[in-house]
Amino acid sequence: VSWQKGHRDLRRYTEWIGQCRLLVTSDSLGQAIGQALGKQVVSLYGPTHHRRMQGVRNVTVVASPLECPLRPCYLPYCQNSRFCMEAILPAEVAAVCERLLS
């Protein structure tokens, strides 16, 4: 396990992702870099539209199960009573990672 490295330096960030066997990220530049490098990517979706990534090579989508009439809102903060990303359970993400790494 390694926390994000080089988030202010694109070359360093890309090199760090290149060293990963599997990357857990949100819908972000990290997802795009990981996919381009052929890494297994677990991508967490809440306020963005996850359907556009379904079936994409080496990207496994974990979408928030929270029903929200505002989604996809593409906002970094929530106008609803509960932020959709909080509904993604760590145990679910861990299970996906274990399956991909086995």
C-alpha atoms as a PDB file:
ATOM      1  CA  VAL A   1       0.000   0.000   0.000  1.00  0.00           C
ATOM      2  CA  SER A   2       1.303   3.403  -0.981  1.00  0.00           C
ATOM      3  CA  TRP A   3      -0.399   6.761  -0.746  1.00  0.00           C
ATOM      4  CA  GLN A   4      -0.321   9.075  -3.723  1.00  0.00           C
ATOM      5  CA  LYS A   5       3.132  10.323  -4.676  1.00  0.00           C
ATOM      6  CA  GLY A   6       4.050  13.220  -6.929  1.00  0.00           C
ATOM      7  CA  HIS A   7       0.644  14.868  -7.014  1.00  0.00           C
ATOM      8  CA  ARG A   8       2.318  18.159  -7.970  1.00  0.00           C
ATOM      9  CA  ASP A   9       4.666  16.674 -10.555  1.00  0.00           C
ATOM     10  CA  LEU A  10       3.080  14.835 -13.480  1.00  0.00           C
ATOM     11  CA  ARG A  11       6.216  12.863 -14.369  1.00  0.00           C
ATOM     12  CA  ARG A  12       6.678  11.680 -10.766  1.00  0.00           C
ATOM     13  CA  TYR A  13       2.967  10.892 -10.462  1.00  0.00           C
ATOM     14  CA  THR A  14       3.059   8.818 -13.665  1.00  0.00           C
ATOM     15  CA  GLU A  15       6.191   6.967 -12.496  1.00  0.00           C
ATOM     16  CA  TRP A  16       4.522   6.192  -9.162  1.00  0.00           C
ATOM     17  CA  ILE A  17       1.428   4.799 -10.903  1.00  0.00           C
ATOM     18  CA  GLY A  18       3.726   2.776 -13.166  1.00  0.00           C
ATOM     19  CA  GLN A  19       5.094   0.994 -10.084  1.00  0.00           C
ATOM     20  CA  CYS A  20       1.626  -0.038  -8.850  1.00  0.00           C
ATOM     21  CA  ARG A  21       0.101  -3.457  -9.449  1.00  0.00           C
ATOM     22  CA  LEU A  22      -3.329  -2.023  -8.771  1.00  0.00           C
ATOM     23  CA  LEU A  23      -4.546   1.549  -8.350  1.00  0.00           C
ATOM     24  CA  VAL A  24      -7.588   2.625  -6.335  1.00  0.00           C
ATOM     25  CA  THR A  25      -8.675   6.108  -7.362  1.00  0.00           C
ATOM     26  CA  SER A  26     -11.625   8.311  -8.025  1.00  0.00           C
ATOM     27  CA  ASP A  27     -12.693   9.368 -11.509  1.00  0.00           C
ATOM     28  CA  SER A  28      -9.536  11.384 -12.093  1.00  0.00           C
ATOM     29  CA  LEU A  29      -6.277  11.788 -13.939  1.00  0.00           C
ATOM     30  CA  GLY A  30      -4.926   8.833 -11.958  1.00  0.00           C
ATOM     31  CA  GLN A  31      -7.575   6.610 -13.503  1.00  0.00           C
ATOM     32  CA  ALA A  32      -6.631   7.723 -17.018  1.00  0.00           C
ATOM     33  CA  ILE A  33      -2.892   7.284 -16.416  1.00  0.00           C
ATOM     34  CA  GLY A  34      -3.386   3.870 -14.807  1.00  0.00           C
ATOM     35  CA  GLN A  35      -5.523   2.700 -17.690  1.00  0.00           C
ATOM     36  CA  ALA A  36      -3.025   4.003 -20.253  1.00  0.00           C
ATOM     37  CA  LEU A  37      -0.194   2.178 -18.478  1.00  0.00           C
ATOM     38  CA  GLY A  38      -2.170  -1.073 -18.464  1.00  0.00           C
ATOM     39  CA  LYS A  39      -2.565  -1.182 -14.683  1.00  0.00           C
ATOM     40  CA  GLN A  40      -5.541  -2.713 -12.942  1.00  0.00           C
ATOM     41  CA  VAL A  41      -7.614   0.289 -11.825  1.00  0.00           C
ATOM     42  CA  VAL A  42     -10.417   0.296  -9.276  1.00  0.00           C
ATOM     43  CA  SER A  43     -12.256   3.537  -9.873  1.00  0.00           C
ATOM     44  CA  LEU A  44     -14.641   4.960  -7.279  1.00  0.00           C
ATOM     45  CA  TYR A  45     -17.617   6.872  -8.622  1.00  0.00           C
ATOM     46  CA  GLY A  46     -20.009   9.097  -6.741  1.00  0.00           C
ATOM     47  CA  PRO A  47     -20.756  12.535  -8.176  1.00  0.00           C
ATOM     48  CA  THR A  48     -19.549  11.643 -11.686  1.00  0.00           C
ATOM     49  CA  HIS A  49     -21.192   9.389 -14.262  1.00  0.00           C
ATOM     50  CA  HIS A  50     -19.824   5.848 -13.961  1.00  0.00           C
ATOM     51  CA  ARG A  51     -21.630   4.272 -16.927  1.00  0.00           C
ATOM     52  CA  ARG A  52     -19.164   5.737 -19.420  1.00  0.00           C
ATOM     53  CA  MET A  53     -16.406   3.543 -17.919  1.00  0.00           C
ATOM     54  CA  GLN A  54     -18.274   0.238 -17.843  1.00  0.00           C
ATOM     55  CA  GLY A  55     -16.602  -2.282 -20.090  1.00  0.00           C
ATOM     56  CA  VAL A  56     -13.376  -0.262 -20.351  1.00  0.00           C
ATOM     57  CA  ARG A  57     -10.265  -2.440 -20.389  1.00  0.00           C
ATOM     58  CA  ASN A  58      -8.563  -2.859 -16.983  1.00  0.00           C
ATOM     59  CA  VAL A  59     -10.938  -0.489 -15.116  1.00  0.00           C
ATOM     60  CA  THR A  60     -13.267  -1.906 -12.473  1.00  0.00           C
ATOM     61  CA  VAL A  61     -15.974   0.530 -11.429  1.00  0.00           C
ATOM     62  CA  VAL A  62     -17.216   0.748  -7.854  1.00  0.00           C
ATOM     63  CA  ALA A  63     -20.165   3.128  -7.902  1.00  0.00           C
ATOM     64  CA  SER A  64     -21.883   4.627  -4.916  1.00  0.00           C
ATOM     65  CA  PRO A  65     -25.105   2.758  -4.143  1.00  0.00           C
ATOM     66  CA  LEU A  66     -26.673   5.922  -2.731  1.00  0.00           C
ATOM     67  CA  GLU A  67     -29.755   7.035  -4.599  1.00  0.00           C
ATOM     68  CA  CYS A  68     -29.523  10.758  -5.177  1.00  0.00           C
ATOM     69  CA  PRO A  69     -31.696  12.810  -7.535  1.00  0.00           C
ATOM     70  CA  LEU A  70     -28.764  15.188  -8.123  1.00  0.00           C
ATOM     71  CA  ARG A  71     -26.405  12.564  -9.561  1.00  0.00           C
ATOM     72  CA  PRO A  72     -24.408  12.970 -11.626  1.00  0.00           C
ATOM     73  CA  CYS A  73     -23.736  16.435 -10.246  1.00  0.00           C
ATOM     74  CA  TYR A  74     -19.945  16.599 -10.842  1.00  0.00           C
ATOM     75  CA  LEU A  75     -19.530  18.656  -7.648  1.00  0.00           C
ATOM     76  CA  PRO A  76     -16.631  18.224  -5.182  1.00  0.00           C
ATOM     77  CA  TYR A  77     -19.054  18.878  -2.305  1.00  0.00           C
ATOM     78  CA  CYS A  78     -22.586  17.719  -1.633  1.00  0.00           C
ATOM     79  CA  GLN A  79     -25.836  19.624  -1.681  1.00  0.00           C
ATOM     80  CA  ASN A  80     -27.692  16.565  -0.400  1.00  0.00           C
ATOM     81  CA  SER A  81     -27.913  15.344   3.187  1.00  0.00           C
ATOM     82  CA  ARG A  82     -25.269  12.628   2.595  1.00  0.00           C
ATOM     83  CA  PHE A  83     -22.239  12.711   0.298  1.00  0.00           C
ATOM     84  CA  CYS A  84     -22.493   9.828  -2.170  1.00  0.00           C
ATOM     85  CA  MET A  85     -18.815   8.829  -1.832  1.00  0.00           C
ATOM     86  CA  GLU A  86     -19.405   8.057   1.860  1.00  0.00           C
ATOM     87  CA  ALA A  87     -21.758   5.244   0.815  1.00  0.00           C
ATOM     88  CA  ILE A  88     -18.940   3.287  -0.858  1.00  0.00           C
ATOM     89  CA  LEU A  89     -17.911   0.768   1.783  1.00  0.00           C
ATOM     90  CA  PRO A  90     -14.202   0.106   2.326  1.00  0.00           C
ATOM     91  CA  ALA A  91     -14.958  -3.617   2.638  1.00  0.00           C
ATOM     92  CA  GLU A  92     -16.502  -3.607  -0.842  1.00  0.00           C
ATOM     93  CA  VAL A  93     -13.447  -1.877  -2.313  1.00  0.00           C
ATOM     94  CA  ALA A  94     -11.123  -4.280  -0.488  1.00  0.00           C
ATOM     95  CA  ALA A  95     -13.040  -7.286  -1.851  1.00  0.00           C
ATOM     96  CA  VAL A  96     -12.739  -5.980  -5.410  1.00  0.00           C
ATOM     97  CA  CYS A  97      -8.992  -5.408  -4.916  1.00  0.00           C
ATOM     98  CA  GLU A  98      -8.456  -8.889  -3.484  1.00  0.00           C
ATOM     99  CA  ARG A  99     -10.330 -10.454  -6.410  1.00  0.00           C
ATOM    100  CA  LEU A 100      -8.251  -8.518  -8.954  1.00  0.00           C
ATOM    101  CA  LEU A 101      -4.945  -9.343  -7.272  1.00  0.00           C
ATOM    102  CA  SER A 102      -5.635 -13.054  -6.837  1.00  0.00           C
END
